[in-house]
């Protein structure tokens, strides 16, 4: 089986969120049959959903993998668990959230996984880092990530300055 390209969204807003995102990127580097090709800078964003929680730190990474979409999802969820992820409420605070955003040009809807991620085109905290590292990227339906990001605007998402 040849390598597939997958995009992963990373987010954290609890217990030193920048550290969780940086360590998660390092752990993605060690996933079986997978290698990281690129990662965005980190971004700060307001929470989606309940506003009574801290801001998020977000990033995206592209990997080349020989894992299936579900096997990659299992690996990502194992990384979340190692970071103490607890799912207490929908869109609530979390130590680490890893979302499989895109997997080549796959379009699928399974009980555990929908590709592309159903909210990808509406989330500035995903589109802005994606557009920064892959402005030519297109969704399986042909829409340009850069155009979607420009049309959406920043919605309170901003690049983190070094040392911030």
C-alpha atoms as a PDB file:
ATOM      1  CA  UNK A   1       0.000   0.000   0.000  1.00  0.00           C
ATOM      2  CA  UNK A   2       1.353   3.428  -0.870  1.00  0.00           C
ATOM      3  CA  UNK A   3       1.339   6.429   1.412  1.00  0.00           C
ATOM      4  CA  UNK A   4      -1.867   8.407   1.805  1.00  0.00           C
ATOM      5  CA  UNK A   5      -1.915  12.077   2.802  1.00  0.00           C
ATOM      6  CA  UNK A   6      -3.925  13.066   5.855  1.00  0.00           C
ATOM      7  CA  UNK A   7      -4.494  16.383   7.593  1.00  0.00           C
ATOM      8  CA  UNK A   8      -4.907  16.495  11.377  1.00  0.00           C
ATOM      9  CA  UNK A   9      -6.316  19.360  13.434  1.00  0.00           C
ATOM     10  CA  UNK A  10      -4.849  19.853  16.917  1.00  0.00           C
ATOM     11  CA  UNK A  11      -6.397  21.851  19.736  1.00  0.00           C
ATOM     12  CA  UNK A  12      -6.046  22.319  23.485  1.00  0.00           C
ATOM     13  CA  UNK A  13      -7.283  24.777  26.085  1.00  0.00           C
ATOM     14  CA  UNK A  14      -6.404  23.154  29.430  1.00  0.00           C
ATOM     15  CA  UNK A  15      -3.265  22.519  31.488  1.00  0.00           C
ATOM     16  CA  UNK A  16      -0.650  24.396  29.407  1.00  0.00           C
ATOM     17  CA  UNK A  17      -2.330  24.029  26.011  1.00  0.00           C
ATOM     18  CA  UNK A  18       0.722  25.056  23.988  1.00  0.00           C
ATOM     19  CA  UNK A  19       2.711  22.243  25.602  1.00  0.00           C
ATOM     20  CA  UNK A  20      -0.040  19.720  24.778  1.00  0.00           C
ATOM     21  CA  UNK A  21      -0.070  20.758  21.115  1.00  0.00           C
ATOM     22  CA  UNK A  22       3.731  20.721  20.800  1.00  0.00           C
ATOM     23  CA  UNK A  23       4.001  17.307  22.481  1.00  0.00           C
ATOM     24  CA  UNK A  24       1.154  15.936  20.345  1.00  0.00           C
ATOM     25  CA  UNK A  25       3.043  16.972  17.205  1.00  0.00           C
ATOM     26  CA  UNK A  26       6.065  15.077  18.509  1.00  0.00           C
ATOM     27  CA  UNK A  27       3.883  12.029  19.214  1.00  0.00           C
ATOM     28  CA  UNK A  28       2.404  12.189  15.707  1.00  0.00           C
ATOM     29  CA  UNK A  29       6.004  11.896  14.471  1.00  0.00           C
ATOM     30  CA  UNK A  30       6.190   8.512  16.225  1.00  0.00           C
ATOM     31  CA  UNK A  31       2.930   6.975  14.980  1.00  0.00           C
ATOM     32  CA  UNK A  32       3.391   3.640  13.184  1.00  0.00           C
ATOM     33  CA  UNK A  33       3.605   3.723   9.387  1.00  0.00           C
ATOM     34  CA  UNK A  34       3.196   7.501   9.523  1.00  0.00           C
ATOM     35  CA  UNK A  35       5.493  10.475   9.091  1.00  0.00           C
ATOM     36  CA  UNK A  36       4.755  14.164   9.541  1.00  0.00           C
ATOM     37  CA  UNK A  37       5.369  16.213   6.410  1.00  0.00           C
ATOM     38  CA  UNK A  38       4.427  19.688   7.595  1.00  0.00           C
ATOM     39  CA  UNK A  39       2.894  21.455  10.590  1.00  0.00           C
ATOM     40  CA  UNK A  40       1.487  24.945  10.870  1.00  0.00           C
ATOM     41  CA  UNK A  41       2.398  27.522  13.424  1.00  0.00           C
ATOM     42  CA  UNK A  42       0.204  27.626  16.502  1.00  0.00           C
ATOM     43  CA  UNK A  43      -2.854  29.863  16.608  1.00  0.00           C
ATOM     44  CA  UNK A  44      -4.914  31.189  19.485  1.00  0.00           C
ATOM     45  CA  UNK A  45      -8.693  31.027  19.118  1.00  0.00           C
ATOM     46  CA  UNK A  46     -11.836  31.667  21.083  1.00  0.00           C
ATOM     47  CA  UNK A  47     -13.766  28.521  21.978  1.00  0.00           C
ATOM     48  CA  UNK A  48     -16.559  27.284  19.737  1.00  0.00           C
ATOM     49  CA  UNK A  49     -19.582  26.472  21.852  1.00  0.00           C
ATOM     50  CA  UNK A  50     -19.632  27.271  25.568  1.00  0.00           C
ATOM     51  CA  UNK A  51     -17.831  30.574  26.192  1.00  0.00           C
ATOM     52  CA  UNK A  52     -17.083  29.751  29.857  1.00  0.00           C
ATOM     53  CA  UNK A  53     -13.750  28.147  29.023  1.00  0.00           C
ATOM     54  CA  UNK A  54     -10.235  29.318  28.163  1.00  0.00           C
ATOM     55  CA  UNK A  55      -9.093  30.160  24.642  1.00  0.00           C
ATOM     56  CA  UNK A  56      -7.649  27.357  22.527  1.00  0.00           C
ATOM     57  CA  UNK A  57      -4.262  26.797  20.989  1.00  0.00           C
ATOM     58  CA  UNK A  58      -4.671  25.224  17.539  1.00  0.00           C
ATOM     59  CA  UNK A  59      -2.473  23.897  14.746  1.00  0.00           C
ATOM     60  CA  UNK A  60      -2.714  21.549  11.790  1.00  0.00           C
ATOM     61  CA  UNK A  61      -0.340  18.890  10.522  1.00  0.00           C
ATOM     62  CA  UNK A  62      -0.108  16.880   7.327  1.00  0.00           C
ATOM     63  CA  UNK A  63       1.152  13.323   7.485  1.00  0.00           C
ATOM     64  CA  UNK A  64       1.954  10.605   4.999  1.00  0.00           C
ATOM     65  CA  UNK A  65       0.578   7.325   6.297  1.00  0.00           C
ATOM     66  CA  UNK A  66       0.042   3.732   5.312  1.00  0.00           C
ATOM     67  CA  UNK A  67      -2.631   3.365   7.974  1.00  0.00           C
ATOM     68  CA  UNK A  68      -6.294   3.216   7.031  1.00  0.00           C
ATOM     69  CA  UNK A  69      -8.450   6.188   8.060  1.00  0.00           C
ATOM     70  CA  UNK A  70      -9.885   4.267  11.051  1.00  0.00           C
ATOM     71  CA  UNK A  71      -6.466   2.967  12.120  1.00  0.00           C
ATOM     72  CA  UNK A  72      -5.107   6.523  12.028  1.00  0.00           C
ATOM     73  CA  UNK A  73      -8.126   7.733  14.013  1.00  0.00           C
ATOM     74  CA  UNK A  74      -7.449   5.014  16.618  1.00  0.00           C
ATOM     75  CA  UNK A  75      -3.835   6.169  16.911  1.00  0.00           C
ATOM     76  CA  UNK A  76      -4.900   9.810  17.293  1.00  0.00           C
ATOM     77  CA  UNK A  77      -7.435   8.926  19.974  1.00  0.00           C
ATOM     78  CA  UNK A  78      -4.722   6.993  21.838  1.00  0.00           C
ATOM     79  CA  UNK A  79      -2.580  10.160  21.820  1.00  0.00           C
ATOM     80  CA  UNK A  80      -5.567  12.107  23.212  1.00  0.00           C
ATOM     81  CA  UNK A  81      -5.926   9.556  26.009  1.00  0.00           C
ATOM     82  CA  UNK A  82      -2.244   9.833  26.928  1.00  0.00           C
ATOM     83  CA  UNK A  83      -2.878  13.563  27.351  1.00  0.00           C
ATOM     84  CA  UNK A  84      -5.750  12.934  29.746  1.00  0.00           C
ATOM     85  CA  UNK A  85      -8.586  13.736  27.322  1.00  0.00           C
ATOM     86  CA  UNK A  86     -11.967  13.515  29.041  1.00  0.00           C
ATOM     87  CA  UNK A  87     -15.164  14.061  27.050  1.00  0.00           C
ATOM     88  CA  UNK A  88     -17.414  15.758  29.605  1.00  0.00           C
ATOM     89  CA  UNK A  89     -19.505  18.021  27.386  1.00  0.00           C
ATOM     90  CA  UNK A  90     -19.890  18.727  23.689  1.00  0.00           C
ATOM     91  CA  UNK A  91     -17.447  21.451  22.577  1.00  0.00           C
ATOM     92  CA  UNK A  92     -16.218  21.724  26.161  1.00  0.00           C
ATOM     93  CA  UNK A  93     -12.686  22.288  27.413  1.00  0.00           C
ATOM     94  CA  UNK A  94     -10.063  19.642  26.722  1.00  0.00           C
ATOM     95  CA  UNK A  95      -6.420  18.880  27.254  1.00  0.00           C
ATOM     96  CA  UNK A  96      -6.086  17.697  23.656  1.00  0.00           C
ATOM     97  CA  UNK A  97      -8.346  17.305  20.653  1.00  0.00           C
ATOM     98  CA  UNK A  98      -7.017  15.620  17.501  1.00  0.00           C
ATOM     99  CA  UNK A  99      -9.368  15.657  14.520  1.00  0.00           C
ATOM    100  CA  UNK A 100      -8.799  13.811  11.278  1.00  0.00           C
ATOM    101  CA  UNK A 101      -9.724  16.582   8.829  1.00  0.00           C
ATOM    102  CA  UNK A 102      -8.875  15.133   5.428  1.00  0.00           C
ATOM    103  CA  UNK A 103      -7.583  11.798   4.194  1.00  0.00           C
ATOM    104  CA  UNK A 104      -6.504  12.148   0.566  1.00  0.00           C
ATOM    105  CA  UNK A 105      -9.692  12.728  -1.431  1.00  0.00           C
ATOM    106  CA  UNK A 106     -11.774  10.348   0.657  1.00  0.00           C
ATOM    107  CA  UNK A 107     -15.419  11.161   1.182  1.00  0.00           C
ATOM    108  CA  UNK A 108     -17.015   8.877   3.707  1.00  0.00           C
ATOM    109  CA  UNK A 109     -19.533   8.821   6.491  1.00  0.00           C
ATOM    110  CA  UNK A 110     -19.041   6.110   9.072  1.00  0.00           C
ATOM    111  CA  UNK A 111     -20.365   5.974  12.636  1.00  0.00           C
ATOM    112  CA  UNK A 112     -16.920   6.930  14.030  1.00  0.00           C
ATOM    113  CA  UNK A 113     -15.561   9.090  11.225  1.00  0.00           C
ATOM    114  CA  UNK A 114     -16.745  11.511   8.565  1.00  0.00           C
ATOM    115  CA  UNK A 115     -14.319  12.729   5.912  1.00  0.00           C
ATOM    116  CA  UNK A 116     -13.767  15.481   5.160  1.00  0.00           C
ATOM    117  CA  UNK A 117     -14.425  16.647   8.703  1.00  0.00           C
ATOM    118  CA  UNK A 118     -17.989  18.034   8.569  1.00  0.00           C
ATOM    119  CA  UNK A 119     -17.089  21.388  10.182  1.00  0.00           C
ATOM    120  CA  UNK A 120     -13.773  21.976   8.391  1.00  0.00           C
ATOM    121  CA  UNK A 121     -15.073  24.586   5.928  1.00  0.00           C
ATOM    122  CA  UNK A 122     -16.654  26.662   8.723  1.00  0.00           C
ATOM    123  CA  UNK A 123     -13.850  26.794  11.271  1.00  0.00           C
ATOM    124  CA  UNK A 124     -11.336  29.627  11.065  1.00  0.00           C
ATOM    125  CA  UNK A 125      -9.093  27.867  13.619  1.00  0.00           C
ATOM    126  CA  UNK A 126      -8.669  25.073  11.056  1.00  0.00           C
ATOM    127  CA  UNK A 127      -8.801  26.993   7.771  1.00  0.00           C
ATOM    128  CA  UNK A 128      -6.279  29.702   8.671  1.00  0.00           C
ATOM    129  CA  UNK A 129      -3.452  27.320   9.634  1.00  0.00           C
ATOM    130  CA  UNK A 130      -4.312  25.087   6.649  1.00  0.00           C
ATOM    131  CA  UNK A 131      -4.213  28.041   4.258  1.00  0.00           C
ATOM    132  CA  UNK A 132      -0.879  29.179   5.687  1.00  0.00           C
ATOM    133  CA  UNK A 133       0.919  25.872   5.105  1.00  0.00           C
ATOM    134  CA  UNK A 134      -1.002  24.655   2.036  1.00  0.00           C
ATOM    135  CA  UNK A 135      -2.656  27.568   0.208  1.00  0.00           C
ATOM    136  CA  UNK A 136      -3.130  25.362  -2.880  1.00  0.00           C
ATOM    137  CA  UNK A 137      -5.026  22.682  -0.923  1.00  0.00           C
ATOM    138  CA  UNK A 138      -8.488  21.831  -2.193  1.00  0.00           C
ATOM    139  CA  UNK A 139     -11.231  19.875  -0.489  1.00  0.00           C
ATOM    140  CA  UNK A 140     -12.477  16.734  -2.272  1.00  0.00           C
ATOM    141  CA  UNK A 141     -15.364  18.801  -3.690  1.00  0.00           C
ATOM    142  CA  UNK A 142     -12.863  21.196  -5.309  1.00  0.00           C
ATOM    143  CA  UNK A 143     -13.253  24.154  -2.952  1.00  0.00           C
ATOM    144  CA  UNK A 144     -10.032  26.021  -2.222  1.00  0.00           C
ATOM    145  CA  UNK A 145      -8.942  26.130   1.420  1.00  0.00           C
ATOM    146  CA  UNK A 146      -7.359  29.565   0.851  1.00  0.00           C
ATOM    147  CA  UNK A 147     -10.602  30.971  -0.585  1.00  0.00           C
ATOM    148  CA  UNK A 148     -12.693  29.453   2.194  1.00  0.00           C
ATOM    149  CA  UNK A 149     -10.336  30.964   4.787  1.00  0.00           C
ATOM    150  CA  UNK A 150     -10.430  34.400   3.135  1.00  0.00           C
ATOM    151  CA  UNK A 151     -14.224  34.343   2.906  1.00  0.00           C
ATOM    152  CA  UNK A 152     -14.634  33.261   6.532  1.00  0.00           C
ATOM    153  CA  UNK A 153     -12.273  35.817   8.072  1.00  0.00           C
ATOM    154  CA  UNK A 154     -10.393  35.358  11.316  1.00  0.00           C
ATOM    155  CA  UNK A 155     -13.328  34.906  13.773  1.00  0.00           C
ATOM    156  CA  UNK A 156     -11.034  35.680  16.700  1.00  0.00           C
ATOM    157  CA  UNK A 157      -8.214  33.418  15.495  1.00  0.00           C
ATOM    158  CA  UNK A 158      -4.712  34.845  15.533  1.00  0.00           C
ATOM    159  CA  UNK A 159      -1.224  33.469  14.959  1.00  0.00           C
ATOM    160  CA  UNK A 160       0.814  33.155  18.133  1.00  0.00           C
ATOM    161  CA  UNK A 161       3.949  35.219  18.224  1.00  0.00           C
ATOM    162  CA  UNK A 162       7.183  33.395  19.043  1.00  0.00           C
ATOM    163  CA  UNK A 163       7.644  33.322  22.792  1.00  0.00           C
ATOM    164  CA  UNK A 164       3.992  34.278  23.406  1.00  0.00           C
END
